[in-house]
Amino acid sequence: MKSTQLNIYQRILDELTENILKGVDRKLKTYFDKYKPSKKDEDELLTVDETLKILKCSKQALWNWRKNGILPSYRLGNRVYYKKSDIFSKLIKQE
């Protein structure tokens, strides 16, 4: 009797977990579709401050990501820029 009850509980837990994961997946897809840059904005260069607002991280973290090659950057003179498309692709792919 106990073995049958455990199997039923396990199936219920598996179904609940699957439903939760599907819901989270739908919400994330909706979120990223909403904030996905248009073709025009993909090649837009962002300053460090604009990039920090999108990523919500510290300047030190952004600097480390740039130095370690995690997030590619572009220099024009003394200024550092980041492509909006690079930021969103790294957020989505998590490479």
Foldseek 3Di string as FASTA:
>chain_A
DVVVVVVVVVVVVVVVVVVVVVVVVVVVVVVCVVVPDDPVQQQPKDFLVVLCVVVVDDSVVVVVCCVVVVFDWDDDPPTIIGGPNSSSVCVVPVD
